[in-house]
mmCIF file of all heavy atoms, coordinates in Angstrom:
data_MODEL
# 
_entry.id   MODEL 
# 
loop_
_atom_site.group_PDB 
_atom_site.id 
_atom_site.type_symbol 
_atom_site.label_atom_id 
_atom_site.label_alt_id 
_atom_site.label_comp_id 
_atom_site.label_asym_id 
_atom_site.label_entity_id 
_atom_site.label_seq_id 
_atom_site.pdbx_PDB_ins_code 
_atom_site.Cartn_x 
_atom_site.Cartn_y 
_atom_site.Cartn_z 
_atom_site.occupancy 
_atom_site.B_iso_or_equiv 
_atom_site.pdbx_formal_charge 
_atom_site.auth_seq_id 
_atom_site.auth_comp_id 
_atom_site.auth_asym_id 
_atom_site.auth_atom_id 
_atom_site.pdbx_PDB_model_num 
ATOM 1   N N   . TYR A 1 1  ? -8.216  3.006   18.493  1.00 0.00 ? 1  TYR A N   1 
ATOM 2   C CA  . TYR A 1 1  ? -8.728  1.603   18.474  1.00 0.00 ? 1  TYR A CA  1 
ATOM 3   C C   . TYR A 1 1  ? -7.832  0.674   19.375  1.00 0.00 ? 1  TYR A C   1 
ATOM 4   O O   . TYR A 1 1  ? -8.358  -0.178  20.064  1.00 0.00 ? 1  TYR A O   1 
ATOM 5   C CB  . TYR A 1 1  ? -8.774  1.051   17.092  1.00 0.00 ? 1  TYR A CB  1 
ATOM 6   C CG  . TYR A 1 1  ? -9.882  1.682   16.246  1.00 0.00 ? 1  TYR A CG  1 
ATOM 7   C CD1 . TYR A 1 1  ? -9.605  2.278   15.081  1.00 0.00 ? 1  TYR A CD1 1 
ATOM 8   C CD2 . TYR A 1 1  ? -11.200 1.633   16.741  1.00 0.00 ? 1  TYR A CD2 1 
ATOM 9   C CE1 . TYR A 1 1  ? -10.616 2.800   14.285  1.00 0.00 ? 1  TYR A CE1 1 
ATOM 10  C CE2 . TYR A 1 1  ? -12.199 2.184   15.952  1.00 0.00 ? 1  TYR A CE2 1 
ATOM 11  C CZ  . TYR A 1 1  ? -11.951 2.777   14.733  1.00 0.00 ? 1  TYR A CZ  1 
ATOM 12  O OH  . TYR A 1 1  ? -12.957 3.300   14.041  1.00 0.00 ? 1  TYR A OH  1 
ATOM 13  N N   . GLU A 1 2  ? -6.544  0.962   19.436  1.00 0.00 ? 2  GLU A N   1 
ATOM 14  C CA  . GLU A 1 2  ? -5.667  0.157   20.287  1.00 0.00 ? 2  GLU A CA  1 
ATOM 15  C C   . GLU A 1 2  ? -6.053  0.404   21.772  1.00 0.00 ? 2  GLU A C   1 
ATOM 16  O O   . GLU A 1 2  ? -5.958  -0.526  22.553  1.00 0.00 ? 2  GLU A O   1 
ATOM 17  C CB  . GLU A 1 2  ? -4.226  0.587   20.030  1.00 0.00 ? 2  GLU A CB  1 
ATOM 18  C CG  . GLU A 1 2  ? -3.703  0.033   18.644  1.00 0.00 ? 2  GLU A CG  1 
ATOM 19  C CD  . GLU A 1 2  ? -2.309  0.525   18.313  1.00 0.00 ? 2  GLU A CD  1 
ATOM 20  O OE1 . GLU A 1 2  ? -1.853  1.451   18.953  1.00 0.00 ? 2  GLU A OE1 1 
ATOM 21  O OE2 . GLU A 1 2  ? -1.664  -0.214  17.476  1.00 0.00 ? 2  GLU A OE2 1 
ATOM 22  N N   . LYS A 1 3  ? -6.280  1.690   22.122  1.00 0.00 ? 3  LYS A N   1 
ATOM 23  C CA  . LYS A 1 3  ? -6.765  1.947   23.529  1.00 0.00 ? 3  LYS A CA  1 
ATOM 24  C C   . LYS A 1 3  ? -8.075  1.270   23.949  1.00 0.00 ? 3  LYS A C   1 
ATOM 25  O O   . LYS A 1 3  ? -8.322  0.955   25.059  1.00 0.00 ? 3  LYS A O   1 
ATOM 26  C CB  . LYS A 1 3  ? -6.859  3.442   23.711  1.00 0.00 ? 3  LYS A CB  1 
ATOM 27  C CG  . LYS A 1 3  ? -5.574  4.213   23.692  1.00 0.00 ? 3  LYS A CG  1 
ATOM 28  C CD  . LYS A 1 3  ? -5.750  5.660   23.873  1.00 0.00 ? 3  LYS A CD  1 
ATOM 29  C CE  . LYS A 1 3  ? -4.415  6.450   23.868  1.00 0.00 ? 3  LYS A CE  1 
ATOM 30  N NZ  . LYS A 1 3  ? -4.622  7.950   23.971  1.00 0.00 ? 3  LYS A NZ  1 
ATOM 31  N N   . CYS A 1 4  ? -8.831  0.936   22.828  1.00 0.00 ? 4  CYS A N   1 
ATOM 32  C CA  . CYS A 1 4  ? -10.121 0.280   23.078  1.00 0.00 ? 4  CYS A CA  1 
ATOM 33  C C   . CYS A 1 4  ? -9.908  -1.250  23.178  1.00 0.00 ? 4  CYS A C   1 
ATOM 34  O O   . CYS A 1 4  ? -10.918 -2.017  23.322  1.00 0.00 ? 4  CYS A O   1 
ATOM 35  C CB  . CYS A 1 4  ? -11.114 0.587   21.955  1.00 0.00 ? 4  CYS A CB  1 
ATOM 36  S SG  . CYS A 1 4  ? -11.782 2.288   22.008  1.00 0.00 ? 4  CYS A SG  1 
ATOM 37  N N   . GLY A 1 5  ? -8.663  -1.727  22.969  1.00 0.00 ? 5  GLY A N   1 
ATOM 38  C CA  . GLY A 1 5  ? -8.456  -3.067  23.126  1.00 0.00 ? 5  GLY A CA  1 
ATOM 39  C C   . GLY A 1 5  ? -8.293  -3.851  21.881  1.00 0.00 ? 5  GLY A C   1 
ATOM 40  O O   . GLY A 1 5  ? -8.093  -5.097  21.901  1.00 0.00 ? 5  GLY A O   1 
ATOM 41  N N   . MET A 1 6  ? -8.351  -3.135  20.726  1.00 0.00 ? 6  MET A N   1 
ATOM 42  C CA  . MET A 1 6  ? -8.280  -3.864  19.412  1.00 0.00 ? 6  MET A CA  1 
ATOM 43  C C   . MET A 1 6  ? -6.743  -4.152  19.121  1.00 0.00 ? 6  MET A C   1 
ATOM 44  O O   . MET A 1 6  ? -5.906  -3.442  19.496  1.00 0.00 ? 6  MET A O   1 
ATOM 45  C CB  . MET A 1 6  ? -8.750  -3.012  18.319  1.00 0.00 ? 6  MET A CB  1 
ATOM 46  C CG  . MET A 1 6  ? -10.207 -2.500  18.459  1.00 0.00 ? 6  MET A CG  1 
ATOM 47  S SD  . MET A 1 6  ? -11.429 -3.929  18.355  1.00 0.00 ? 6  MET A SD  1 
ATOM 48  C CE  . MET A 1 6  ? -11.154 -4.407  16.670  1.00 0.00 ? 6  MET A CE  1 
ATOM 49  N N   . THR A 1 7  ? -6.535  -5.334  18.549  1.00 0.00 ? 7  THR A N   1 
ATOM 50  C CA  . THR A 1 7  ? -5.129  -5.767  18.171  1.00 0.00 ? 7  THR A CA  1 
ATOM 51  C C   . THR A 1 7  ? -5.147  -6.051  16.670  1.00 0.00 ? 7  THR A C   1 
ATOM 52  O O   . THR A 1 7  ? -6.141  -6.259  16.071  1.00 0.00 ? 7  THR A O   1 
ATOM 53  C CB  . THR A 1 7  ? -4.663  -6.973  19.043  1.00 0.00 ? 7  THR A CB  1 
ATOM 54  O OG1 . THR A 1 7  ? -5.625  -8.061  18.838  1.00 0.00 ? 7  THR A OG1 1 
ATOM 55  C CG2 . THR A 1 7  ? -4.614  -6.633  20.485  1.00 0.00 ? 7  THR A CG2 1 
ATOM 56  N N   . THR A 1 8  ? -3.935  -6.184  16.212  1.00 0.00 ? 8  THR A N   1 
ATOM 57  C CA  . THR A 1 8  ? -3.667  -6.322  14.681  1.00 0.00 ? 8  THR A CA  1 
ATOM 58  C C   . THR A 1 8  ? -3.935  -7.836  14.403  1.00 0.00 ? 8  THR A C   1 
ATOM 59  O O   . THR A 1 8  ? -3.332  -8.709  14.990  1.00 0.00 ? 8  THR A O   1 
ATOM 60  C CB  . THR A 1 8  ? -2.298  -5.926  14.270  1.00 0.00 ? 8  THR A CB  1 
ATOM 61  O OG1 . THR A 1 8  ? -2.112  -4.530  14.508  1.00 0.00 ? 8  THR A OG1 1 
ATOM 62  C CG2 . THR A 1 8  ? -2.135  -6.209  12.742  1.00 0.00 ? 8  THR A CG2 1 
ATOM 63  N N   . GLN A 1 9  ? -4.881  -8.129  13.463  1.00 0.00 ? 9  GLN A N   1 
ATOM 64  C CA  . GLN A 1 9  ? -5.149  -9.482  13.032  1.00 0.00 ? 9  GLN A CA  1 
ATOM 65  C C   . GLN A 1 9  ? -4.271  -9.793  11.746  1.00 0.00 ? 9  GLN A C   1 
ATOM 66  O O   . GLN A 1 9  ? -3.656  -10.829 11.641  1.00 0.00 ? 9  GLN A O   1 
ATOM 67  C CB  . GLN A 1 9  ? -6.631  -9.603  12.595  1.00 0.00 ? 9  GLN A CB  1 
ATOM 68  C CG  . GLN A 1 9  ? -7.010  -10.960 12.200  1.00 0.00 ? 9  GLN A CG  1 
ATOM 69  C CD  . GLN A 1 9  ? -8.456  -11.070 11.539  1.00 0.00 ? 9  GLN A CD  1 
ATOM 70  O OE1 . GLN A 1 9  ? -8.597  -10.454 10.471  1.00 0.00 ? 9  GLN A OE1 1 
ATOM 71  N NE2 . GLN A 1 9  ? -9.358  -11.611 12.290  1.00 0.00 ? 9  GLN A NE2 1 
ATOM 72  N N   . ARG A 1 10 ? -4.240  -8.917  10.779  1.00 0.00 ? 10 ARG A N   1 
ATOM 73  C CA  . ARG A 1 10 ? -3.455  -9.022  9.609   1.00 0.00 ? 10 ARG A CA  1 
ATOM 74  C C   . ARG A 1 10 ? -3.130  -7.610  9.072   1.00 0.00 ? 10 ARG A C   1 
ATOM 75  O O   . ARG A 1 10 ? -3.612  -6.647  9.523   1.00 0.00 ? 10 ARG A O   1 
ATOM 76  C CB  . ARG A 1 10 ? -4.243  -9.820  8.568   1.00 0.00 ? 10 ARG A CB  1 
ATOM 77  C CG  . ARG A 1 10 ? -5.541  -9.074  8.121   1.00 0.00 ? 10 ARG A CG  1 
ATOM 78  C CD  . ARG A 1 10 ? -6.236  -10.003 7.088   1.00 0.00 ? 10 ARG A CD  1 
ATOM 79  N NE  . ARG A 1 10 ? -7.455  -9.319  6.715   1.00 0.00 ? 10 ARG A NE  1 
ATOM 80  C CZ  . ARG A 1 10 ? -8.648  -9.926  6.667   1.00 0.00 ? 10 ARG A CZ  1 
ATOM 81  N NH1 . ARG A 1 10 ? -8.684  -11.261 6.885   1.00 0.00 ? 10 ARG A NH1 1 
ATOM 82  N NH2 . ARG A 1 10 ? -9.793  -9.353  6.277   1.00 0.00 ? 10 ARG A NH2 1 
ATOM 83  N N   . ARG A 1 11 ? -2.204  -7.559  8.160   1.00 0.00 ? 11 ARG A N   1 
ATOM 84  C CA  . ARG A 1 11 ? -1.798  -6.332  7.479   1.00 0.00 ? 11 ARG A CA  1 
ATOM 85  C C   . ARG A 1 11 ? -1.836  -6.443  5.968   1.00 0.00 ? 11 ARG A C   1 
ATOM 86  O O   . ARG A 1 11 ? -1.581  -7.345  5.420   1.00 0.00 ? 11 ARG A O   1 
ATOM 87  C CB  . ARG A 1 11 ? -0.392  -5.996  7.978   1.00 0.00 ? 11 ARG A CB  1 
ATOM 88  C CG  . ARG A 1 11 ? -0.198  -5.694  9.412   1.00 0.00 ? 11 ARG A CG  1 
ATOM 89  C CD  . ARG A 1 11 ? 1.205   -5.195  9.746   1.00 0.00 ? 11 ARG A CD  1 
ATOM 90  N NE  . ARG A 1 11 ? 1.369   -4.968  11.148  1.00 0.00 ? 11 ARG A NE  1 
ATOM 91  C CZ  . ARG A 1 11 ? 2.494   -4.423  11.682  1.00 0.00 ? 11 ARG A CZ  1 
ATOM 92  N NH1 . ARG A 1 11 ? 3.492   -4.072  10.862  1.00 0.00 ? 11 ARG A NH1 1 
ATOM 93  N NH2 . ARG A 1 11 ? 2.642   -4.271  12.986  1.00 0.00 ? 11 ARG A NH2 1 
ATOM 94  N N   . ILE A 1 12 ? -2.267  -5.266  5.357   1.00 0.00 ? 12 ILE A N   1 
ATOM 95  C CA  . ILE A 1 12 ? -2.142  -5.155  3.919   1.00 0.00 ? 12 ILE A CA  1 
ATOM 96  C C   . ILE A 1 12 ? -0.892  -4.360  3.775   1.00 0.00 ? 12 ILE A C   1 
ATOM 97  O O   . ILE A 1 12 ? -0.774  -3.163  4.236   1.00 0.00 ? 12 ILE A O   1 
ATOM 98  C CB  . ILE A 1 12 ? -3.411  -4.447  3.347   1.00 0.00 ? 12 ILE A CB  1 
ATOM 99  C CG1 . ILE A 1 12 ? -4.573  -5.345  3.517   1.00 0.00 ? 12 ILE A CG1 1 
ATOM 100 C CG2 . ILE A 1 12 ? -3.158  -4.058  1.892   1.00 0.00 ? 12 ILE A CG2 1 
ATOM 101 C CD1 . ILE A 1 12 ? -5.881  -4.770  2.988   1.00 0.00 ? 12 ILE A CD1 1 
ATOM 102 N N   . MET A 1 13 ? 0.039   -4.779  3.030   1.00 0.00 ? 13 MET A N   1 
ATOM 103 C CA  . MET A 1 13 ? 1.329   -4.179  2.761   1.00 0.00 ? 13 MET A CA  1 
ATOM 104 C C   . MET A 1 13 ? 1.321   -3.430  1.485   1.00 0.00 ? 13 MET A C   1 
ATOM 105 O O   . MET A 1 13 ? 0.458   -3.684  0.571   1.00 0.00 ? 13 MET A O   1 
ATOM 106 C CB  . MET A 1 13 ? 2.438   -5.164  2.734   1.00 0.00 ? 13 MET A CB  1 
ATOM 107 C CG  . MET A 1 13 ? 2.489   -6.182  3.910   1.00 0.00 ? 13 MET A CG  1 
ATOM 108 S SD  . MET A 1 13 ? 2.639   -5.437  5.527   1.00 0.00 ? 13 MET A SD  1 
ATOM 109 C CE  . MET A 1 13 ? 4.448   -5.136  5.472   1.00 0.00 ? 13 MET A CE  1 
ATOM 110 N N   . GLU A 1 14 ? 2.221   -2.457  1.312   1.00 0.00 ? 14 GLU A N   1 
ATOM 111 C CA  . GLU A 1 14 ? 2.340   -1.794  0.052   1.00 0.00 ? 14 GLU A CA  1 
ATOM 112 C C   . GLU A 1 14 ? 3.832   -1.481  -0.364  1.00 0.00 ? 14 GLU A C   1 
ATOM 113 O O   . GLU A 1 14 ? 4.654   -1.494  0.563   1.00 0.00 ? 14 GLU A O   1 
ATOM 114 C CB  . GLU A 1 14 ? 1.553   -0.514  0.034   1.00 0.00 ? 14 GLU A CB  1 
ATOM 115 C CG  . GLU A 1 14 ? 2.140   0.617   0.949   1.00 0.00 ? 14 GLU A CG  1 
ATOM 116 C CD  . GLU A 1 14 ? 1.425   1.916   0.825   1.00 0.00 ? 14 GLU A CD  1 
ATOM 117 O OE1 . GLU A 1 14 ? 0.306   2.030   0.236   1.00 0.00 ? 14 GLU A OE1 1 
ATOM 118 O OE2 . GLU A 1 14 ? 1.826   2.876   1.455   1.00 0.00 ? 14 GLU A OE2 1 
ATOM 119 N N   . LYS A 1 15 ? 4.011   -1.341  -1.634  1.00 0.00 ? 15 LYS A N   1 
ATOM 120 C CA  . LYS A 1 15 ? 5.369   -1.054  -2.099  1.00 0.00 ? 15 LYS A CA  1 
ATOM 121 C C   . LYS A 1 15 ? 5.304   -0.114  -3.303  1.00 0.00 ? 15 LYS A C   1 
ATOM 122 O O   . LYS A 1 15 ? 4.491   -0.260  -4.123  1.00 0.00 ? 15 LYS A O   1 
ATOM 123 C CB  . LYS A 1 15 ? 6.077   -2.346  -2.534  1.00 0.00 ? 15 LYS A CB  1 
ATOM 124 C CG  . LYS A 1 15 ? 7.510   -2.134  -2.944  1.00 0.00 ? 15 LYS A CG  1 
ATOM 125 C CD  . LYS A 1 15 ? 8.199   -3.482  -3.224  1.00 0.00 ? 15 LYS A CD  1 
ATOM 126 C CE  . LYS A 1 15 ? 9.655   -3.239  -3.652  1.00 0.00 ? 15 LYS A CE  1 
ATOM 127 N NZ  . LYS A 1 15 ? 10.465  -2.543  -2.599  1.00 0.00 ? 15 LYS A NZ  1 
ATOM 128 N N   . ILE A 1 16 ? 6.194   0.864   -3.268  1.00 0.00 ? 16 ILE A N   1 
ATOM 129 C CA  . ILE A 1 16 ? 6.333   1.765   -4.377  1.00 0.00 ? 16 ILE A CA  1 
ATOM 130 C C   . ILE A 1 16 ? 7.429   1.297   -5.339  1.00 0.00 ? 16 ILE A C   1 
ATOM 131 O O   . ILE A 1 16 ? 8.524   1.132   -4.883  1.00 0.00 ? 16 ILE A O   1 
ATOM 132 C CB  . ILE A 1 16 ? 6.575   3.208   -3.859  1.00 0.00 ? 16 ILE A CB  1 
ATOM 133 C CG1 . ILE A 1 16 ? 5.418   3.624   -3.021  1.00 0.00 ? 16 ILE A CG1 1 
ATOM 134 C CG2 . ILE A 1 16 ? 6.837   4.137   -5.083  1.00 0.00 ? 16 ILE A CG2 1 
ATOM 135 C CD1 . ILE A 1 16 ? 5.650   5.027   -2.361  1.00 0.00 ? 16 ILE A CD1 1 
ATOM 136 N N   . ILE A 1 17 ? 7.060   1.085   -6.627  1.00 0.00 ? 17 ILE A N   1 
ATOM 137 C CA  . ILE A 1 17 ? 7.995   0.616   -7.605  1.00 0.00 ? 17 ILE A CA  1 
ATOM 138 C C   . ILE A 1 17 ? 8.225   1.726   -8.593  1.00 0.00 ? 17 ILE A C   1 
ATOM 139 O O   . ILE A 1 17 ? 7.255   2.351   -9.124  1.00 0.00 ? 17 ILE A O   1 
ATOM 140 C CB  . ILE A 1 17 ? 7.416   -0.665  -8.332  1.00 0.00 ? 17 ILE A CB  1 
ATOM 141 C CG1 . ILE A 1 17 ? 7.296   -1.755  -7.335  1.00 0.00 ? 17 ILE A CG1 1 
ATOM 142 C CG2 . ILE A 1 17 ? 8.304   -0.980  -9.522  1.00 0.00 ? 17 ILE A CG2 1 
ATOM 143 C CD1 . ILE A 1 17 ? 6.765   -3.025  -7.878  1.00 0.00 ? 17 ILE A CD1 1 
ATOM 144 N N   . LYS A 1 18 ? 9.513   2.041   -8.893  1.00 0.00 ? 18 LYS A N   1 
ATOM 145 C CA  . LYS A 1 18 ? 9.876   3.009   -9.903  1.00 0.00 ? 18 LYS A CA  1 
ATOM 146 C C   . LYS A 1 18 ? 9.824   2.320   -11.323 1.00 0.00 ? 18 LYS A C   1 
ATOM 147 O O   . LYS A 1 18 ? 10.454  1.236   -11.425 1.00 0.00 ? 18 LYS A O   1 
ATOM 148 C CB  . LYS A 1 18 ? 11.248  3.583   -9.652  1.00 0.00 ? 18 LYS A CB  1 
ATOM 149 C CG  . LYS A 1 18 ? 11.359  4.423   -8.346  1.00 0.00 ? 18 LYS A CG  1 
ATOM 150 C CD  . LYS A 1 18 ? 10.626  5.753   -8.556  1.00 0.00 ? 18 LYS A CD  1 
ATOM 151 C CE  . LYS A 1 18 ? 10.893  6.652   -7.322  1.00 0.00 ? 18 LYS A CE  1 
ATOM 152 N NZ  . LYS A 1 18 ? 10.226  7.893   -7.484  1.00 0.00 ? 18 LYS A NZ  1 
ATOM 153 N N   . ILE A 1 19 ? 9.199   3.070   -12.229 1.00 0.00 ? 19 ILE A N   1 
ATOM 154 C CA  . ILE A 1 19 ? 9.083   2.411   -13.582 1.00 0.00 ? 19 ILE A CA  1 
ATOM 155 C C   . ILE A 1 19 ? 9.464   3.427   -14.580 1.00 0.00 ? 19 ILE A C   1 
ATOM 156 O O   . ILE A 1 19 ? 9.014   4.549   -14.672 1.00 0.00 ? 19 ILE A O   1 
ATOM 157 C CB  . ILE A 1 19 ? 7.589   1.966   -13.815 1.00 0.00 ? 19 ILE A CB  1 
ATOM 158 C CG1 . ILE A 1 19 ? 7.092   0.955   -12.763 1.00 0.00 ? 19 ILE A CG1 1 
ATOM 159 C CG2 . ILE A 1 19 ? 7.441   1.345   -15.223 1.00 0.00 ? 19 ILE A CG2 1 
ATOM 160 C CD1 . ILE A 1 19 ? 5.661   0.630   -12.835 1.00 0.00 ? 19 ILE A CD1 1 
ATOM 161 N N   . GLU A 1 20 ? 10.422  3.013   -15.490 1.00 0.00 ? 20 GLU A N   1 
ATOM 162 C CA  . GLU A 1 20 ? 10.816  3.817   -16.544 1.00 0.00 ? 20 GLU A CA  1 
ATOM 163 C C   . GLU A 1 20 ? 10.130  3.491   -17.894 1.00 0.00 ? 20 GLU A C   1 
ATOM 164 O O   . GLU A 1 20 ? 9.920   2.316   -18.109 1.00 0.00 ? 20 GLU A O   1 
ATOM 165 C CB  . GLU A 1 20 ? 12.299  3.788   -16.814 1.00 0.00 ? 20 GLU A CB  1 
ATOM 166 C CG  . GLU A 1 20 ? 13.088  4.414   -15.667 1.00 0.00 ? 20 GLU A CG  1 
ATOM 167 C CD  . GLU A 1 20 ? 14.562  4.461   -15.957 1.00 0.00 ? 20 GLU A CD  1 
ATOM 168 O OE1 . GLU A 1 20 ? 15.006  3.782   -17.035 1.00 0.00 ? 20 GLU A OE1 1 
ATOM 169 O OE2 . GLU A 1 20 ? 15.381  5.081   -15.190 1.00 0.00 ? 20 GLU A OE2 1 
ATOM 170 N N   . GLY A 1 21 ? 9.772   4.448   -18.662 1.00 0.00 ? 21 GLY A N   1 
ATOM 171 C CA  . GLY A 1 21 ? 9.200   4.164   -20.004 1.00 0.00 ? 21 GLY A CA  1 
ATOM 172 C C   . GLY A 1 21 ? 7.748   4.425   -20.130 1.00 0.00 ? 21 GLY A C   1 
ATOM 173 O O   . GLY A 1 21 ? 7.145   4.480   -21.283 1.00 0.00 ? 21 GLY A O   1 
ATOM 174 N N   . MET A 1 22 ? 7.087   4.799   -19.068 1.00 0.00 ? 22 MET A N   1 
ATOM 175 C CA  . MET A 1 22 ? 5.656   5.147   -19.183 1.00 0.00 ? 22 MET A CA  1 
ATOM 176 C C   . MET A 1 22 ? 5.558   6.611   -19.579 1.00 0.00 ? 22 MET A C   1 
ATOM 177 O O   . MET A 1 22 ? 6.250   7.531   -19.047 1.00 0.00 ? 22 MET A O   1 
ATOM 178 C CB  . MET A 1 22 ? 4.945   4.948   -17.747 1.00 0.00 ? 22 MET A CB  1 
ATOM 179 C CG  . MET A 1 22 ? 4.890   3.594   -17.232 1.00 0.00 ? 22 MET A CG  1 
ATOM 180 S SD  . MET A 1 22 ? 3.838   3.449   -15.739 1.00 0.00 ? 22 MET A SD  1 
ATOM 181 C CE  . MET A 1 22 ? 4.771   4.536   -14.584 1.00 0.00 ? 22 MET A CE  1 
ATOM 182 N N   . SER A 1 23 ? 4.667   6.883   -20.564 1.00 0.00 ? 23 SER A N   1 
ATOM 183 C CA  . SER A 1 23 ? 4.620   8.214   -21.113 1.00 0.00 ? 23 SER A CA  1 
ATOM 184 C C   . SER A 1 23 ? 3.221   8.744   -21.274 1.00 0.00 ? 23 SER A C   1 
ATOM 185 O O   . SER A 1 23 ? 3.031   9.952   -21.530 1.00 0.00 ? 23 SER A O   1 
ATOM 186 C CB  . SER A 1 23 ? 5.297   8.267   -22.493 1.00 0.00 ? 23 SER A CB  1 
ATOM 187 O OG  . SER A 1 23 ? 4.657   7.361   -23.413 1.00 0.00 ? 23 SER A OG  1 
ATOM 188 N N   . CYS A 1 24 ? 2.157   7.957   -21.035 1.00 0.00 ? 24 CYS A N   1 
ATOM 189 C CA  . CYS A 1 24 ? 0.809   8.398   -21.228 1.00 0.00 ? 24 CYS A CA  1 
ATOM 190 C C   . CYS A 1 24 ? -0.145  7.575   -20.404 1.00 0.00 ? 24 CYS A C   1 
ATOM 191 O O   . CYS A 1 24 ? 0.224   6.602   -19.715 1.00 0.00 ? 24 CYS A O   1 
ATOM 192 C CB  . CYS A 1 24 ? 0.412   8.229   -22.731 1.00 0.00 ? 24 CYS A CB  1 
ATOM 193 S SG  . CYS A 1 24 ? 0.401   6.494   -23.265 1.00 0.00 ? 24 CYS A SG  1 
ATOM 194 N N   . GLN A 1 25 ? -1.402  7.981   -20.435 1.00 0.00 ? 25 GLN A N   1 
ATOM 195 C CA  . GLN A 1 25 ? -2.460  7.274   -19.670 1.00 0.00 ? 25 GLN A CA  1 
ATOM 196 C C   . GLN A 1 25 ? -2.640  5.804   -20.074 1.00 0.00 ? 25 GLN A C   1 
ATOM 197 O O   . GLN A 1 25 ? -2.950  4.930   -19.327 1.00 0.00 ? 25 GLN A O   1 
ATOM 198 C CB  . GLN A 1 25 ? -3.794  8.041   -19.700 1.00 0.00 ? 25 GLN A CB  1 
ATOM 199 C CG  . GLN A 1 25 ? -3.800  9.373   -19.032 1.00 0.00 ? 25 GLN A CG  1 
ATOM 200 C CD  . GLN A 1 25 ? -3.535  9.239   -17.546 1.00 0.00 ? 25 GLN A CD  1 
ATOM 201 O OE1 . GLN A 1 25 ? -3.923  8.205   -16.877 1.00 0.00 ? 25 GLN A OE1 1 
ATOM 202 N NE2 . GLN A 1 25 ? -2.855  10.151  -16.966 1.00 0.00 ? 25 GLN A NE2 1 
ATOM 203 N N   . HIS A 1 26 ? -2.389  5.572   -21.343 1.00 0.00 ? 26 HIS A N   1 
ATOM 204 C CA  . HIS A 1 26 ? -2.496  4.219   -21.870 1.00 0.00 ? 26 HIS A CA  1 
ATOM 205 C C   . HIS A 1 26 ? -1.434  3.267   -21.224 1.00 0.00 ? 26 HIS A C   1 
ATOM 206 O O   . HIS A 1 26 ? -1.716  2.172   -20.872 1.00 0.00 ? 26 HIS A O   1 
ATOM 207 C CB  . HIS A 1 26 ? -2.299  4.160   -23.410 1.00 0.00 ? 26 HIS A CB  1 
ATOM 208 C CG  . HIS A 1 26 ? -2.343  2.809   -24.015 1.00 0.00 ? 26 HIS A CG  1 
ATOM 209 N ND1 . HIS A 1 26 ? -3.446  2.002   -23.929 1.00 0.00 ? 26 HIS A ND1 1 
ATOM 210 C CD2 . HIS A 1 26 ? -1.407  2.079   -24.613 1.00 0.00 ? 26 HIS A CD2 1 
ATOM 211 C CE1 . HIS A 1 26 ? -3.204  0.878   -24.535 1.00 0.00 ? 26 HIS A CE1 1 
ATOM 212 N NE2 . HIS A 1 26 ? -2.024  0.855   -24.969 1.00 0.00 ? 26 HIS A NE2 1 
ATOM 213 N N   . CYS A 1 27 ? -0.219  3.849   -21.048 1.00 0.00 ? 27 CYS A N   1 
ATOM 214 C CA  . CYS A 1 27 ? 0.886   3.018   -20.431 1.00 0.00 ? 27 CYS A CA  1 
ATOM 215 C C   . CYS A 1 27 ? 0.426   2.785   -18.988 1.00 0.00 ? 27 CYS A C   1 
ATOM 216 O O   . CYS A 1 27 ? 0.610   1.614   -18.475 1.00 0.00 ? 27 CYS A O   1 
ATOM 217 C CB  . CYS A 1 27 ? 2.144   3.910   -20.403 1.00 0.00 ? 27 CYS A CB  1 
ATOM 218 S SG  . CYS A 1 27 ? 2.873   4.177   -22.010 1.00 0.00 ? 27 CYS A SG  1 
# 
């Protein structure tokens, strides 16, 4: 897409968070 001339308008960011205490699907 960049070769076709498209440029970035905005970004969706992500972050991985470590969580202690979860033990089941309900958690």
